[in-house]
Amino acid sequence: MHEYPITQHIIEMAEKYAKEQGAGCVRTINLVVGDYSGYVGESINLYFDIIAEGTLCEKAKLNIERVKPKLKCTSCGEYFERRPFSFECPDCGGEGEPTEIGKEFYLKSIEIS
């Protein structure tokens, strides 16, 4: 349910930007959402059309770029996606440790017209 207010904020930011630029509408919003960000892209997408109704974002397309989490091997330094029930590096067999990859959440770009 916490996706509702963040979706509302995204729309407000895009609408403010469009107004500042003198645009008539927002065409596309590009969002980056990591799997470990605490937000679910599908839920944001679900709320988007409902909240955007009657705003400059009403006919905008929402693109969500999903970022899968990665571990970093403590032995060889390679980044890799964790396999179920394992932290083992597929390259060298070393142990992976958590990184910030997959925690991203930001508005990448707004296209207006």
Protein backbone atom coordinates (compact mmCIF):
# COMPACT_ATOMS: atom_id res chain seq x y z
CA MET A 1 0.00 0.00 0.00
CA HIS A 2 2.98 2.36 0.43
CA GLU A 3 3.30 2.42 -3.38
CA TYR A 4 0.23 4.68 -3.59
CA PRO A 5 1.83 7.78 -2.00
CA ILE A 6 5.14 7.31 -3.85
CA THR A 7 3.27 6.99 -7.16
CA GLN A 8 1.38 10.17 -6.32
CA HIS A 9 4.69 11.92 -5.61
CA ILE A 10 6.19 10.73 -8.92
CA ILE A 11 3.21 12.17 -10.79
CA GLU A 12 3.47 15.45 -8.88
CA MET A 13 7.18 15.73 -9.71
CA ALA A 14 6.58 15.01 -13.41
CA GLU A 15 3.69 17.46 -13.56
CA LYS A 16 5.74 20.18 -11.86
CA TYR A 17 8.60 19.62 -14.29
CA ALA A 18 6.23 19.80 -17.30
CA LYS A 19 4.71 23.06 -16.04
CA GLU A 20 8.14 24.59 -15.42
CA GLN A 21 9.14 23.72 -18.99
CA GLY A 22 5.88 25.08 -20.44
CA ALA A 23 4.84 21.66 -21.75
CA GLY A 24 1.26 20.64 -22.36
CA CYS A 25 1.66 17.06 -21.19
CA VAL A 26 4.00 14.40 -19.90
CA ARG A 27 4.63 11.70 -22.52
CA THR A 28 6.85 9.22 -20.67
CA ILE A 29 8.19 8.69 -17.17
CA ASN A 30 11.21 6.41 -16.80
CA LEU A 31 11.63 4.97 -13.32
CA VAL A 32 14.34 2.67 -11.90
CA VAL A 33 13.20 0.25 -9.20
CA GLY A 34 15.52 -2.23 -7.52
CA ASP A 35 14.04 -5.49 -6.26
CA TYR A 36 15.32 -4.66 -2.76
CA SER A 37 14.22 -1.00 -2.81
CA GLY A 38 11.13 -1.69 -0.75
CA TYR A 39 8.81 -0.77 -3.64
CA VAL A 40 7.03 -3.07 -6.06
CA GLY A 41 7.12 -1.84 -9.64
CA GLU A 42 3.93 -3.68 -10.57
CA SER A 43 2.03 -1.90 -7.78
CA ILE A 44 3.34 1.49 -8.86
CA ASN A 45 2.25 0.68 -12.40
CA LEU A 46 -1.19 -0.35 -11.16
CA TYR A 47 -1.73 2.91 -9.27
CA PHE A 48 -0.25 5.12 -11.98
CA ASP A 49 -3.22 5.29 -14.38
CA ILE A 50 -5.68 5.85 -11.53
CA ILE A 51 -3.71 8.65 -9.87
CA ALA A 52 -2.65 10.28 -13.17
CA GLU A 53 -6.26 10.77 -14.29
CA GLY A 54 -6.98 14.47 -14.73
CA THR A 55 -3.30 15.50 -14.55
CA LEU A 56 -0.68 16.34 -17.18
CA CYS A 57 0.42 12.70 -16.80
CA GLU A 58 -2.96 11.26 -17.74
CA LYS A 59 -1.82 9.78 -21.06
CA ALA A 60 1.82 9.26 -20.08
CA LYS A 61 3.57 5.94 -20.41
CA LEU A 62 5.32 4.65 -17.31
CA ASN A 63 8.47 2.62 -18.01
CA ILE A 64 9.91 0.76 -15.05
CA GLU A 65 13.46 -0.52 -15.29
CA ARG A 66 13.90 -3.34 -12.81
CA VAL A 67 17.27 -3.88 -11.11
CA LYS A 68 18.00 -7.33 -9.73
CA PRO A 69 20.17 -7.52 -6.62
CA LYS A 70 23.78 -8.66 -6.97
CA LEU A 71 26.37 -9.99 -4.59
CA LYS A 72 30.10 -9.27 -4.80
CA CYS A 73 32.54 -12.14 -4.44
CA THR A 74 34.99 -11.60 -1.59
CA SER A 75 37.62 -13.67 -3.45
CA CYS A 76 37.58 -12.53 -7.08
CA GLY A 77 35.53 -9.32 -6.85
CA GLU A 78 32.98 -10.33 -9.50
CA TYR A 79 29.34 -9.27 -9.16
CA PHE A 80 26.70 -11.97 -9.59
CA GLU A 81 23.05 -12.76 -8.99
CA ARG A 82 22.49 -15.05 -6.05
CA ARG A 83 21.23 -18.52 -6.77
CA PRO A 84 18.61 -19.98 -4.40
CA PHE A 85 20.09 -21.20 -1.12
CA SER A 86 23.63 -20.19 -2.11
CA PHE A 87 26.04 -17.28 -1.75
CA GLU A 88 28.69 -19.07 -3.85
CA CYS A 89 30.35 -17.18 -6.70
CA PRO A 90 29.70 -18.96 -10.01
CA ASP A 91 33.16 -17.91 -11.28
CA CYS A 92 35.51 -18.97 -8.49
CA GLY A 93 33.41 -20.61 -5.75
CA GLY A 94 34.16 -17.81 -3.27
CA GLU A 95 31.55 -16.32 -0.97
CA GLY A 96 29.37 -13.41 -2.09
CA GLU A 97 28.51 -10.46 0.12
CA PRO A 98 25.59 -8.03 -0.22
CA THR A 99 25.96 -4.83 -2.24
CA GLU A 100 23.81 -1.78 -2.88
CA ILE A 101 22.88 -3.13 -6.33
CA GLY A 102 19.14 -3.82 -6.30
CA LYS A 103 18.26 -1.11 -3.77
CA GLU A 104 17.92 1.66 -6.38
CA PHE A 105 14.78 3.77 -6.60
CA TYR A 106 14.82 6.93 -8.66
CA LEU A 107 13.14 8.89 -11.41
CA LYS A 108 15.50 8.44 -14.36
CA SER A 109 13.87 10.81 -16.86
CA ILE A 110 10.69 12.59 -17.88
CA GLU A 111 9.71 13.15 -21.52
CA ILE A 112 7.32 16.02 -22.21
CA SER A 113 5.63 17.66 -25.19
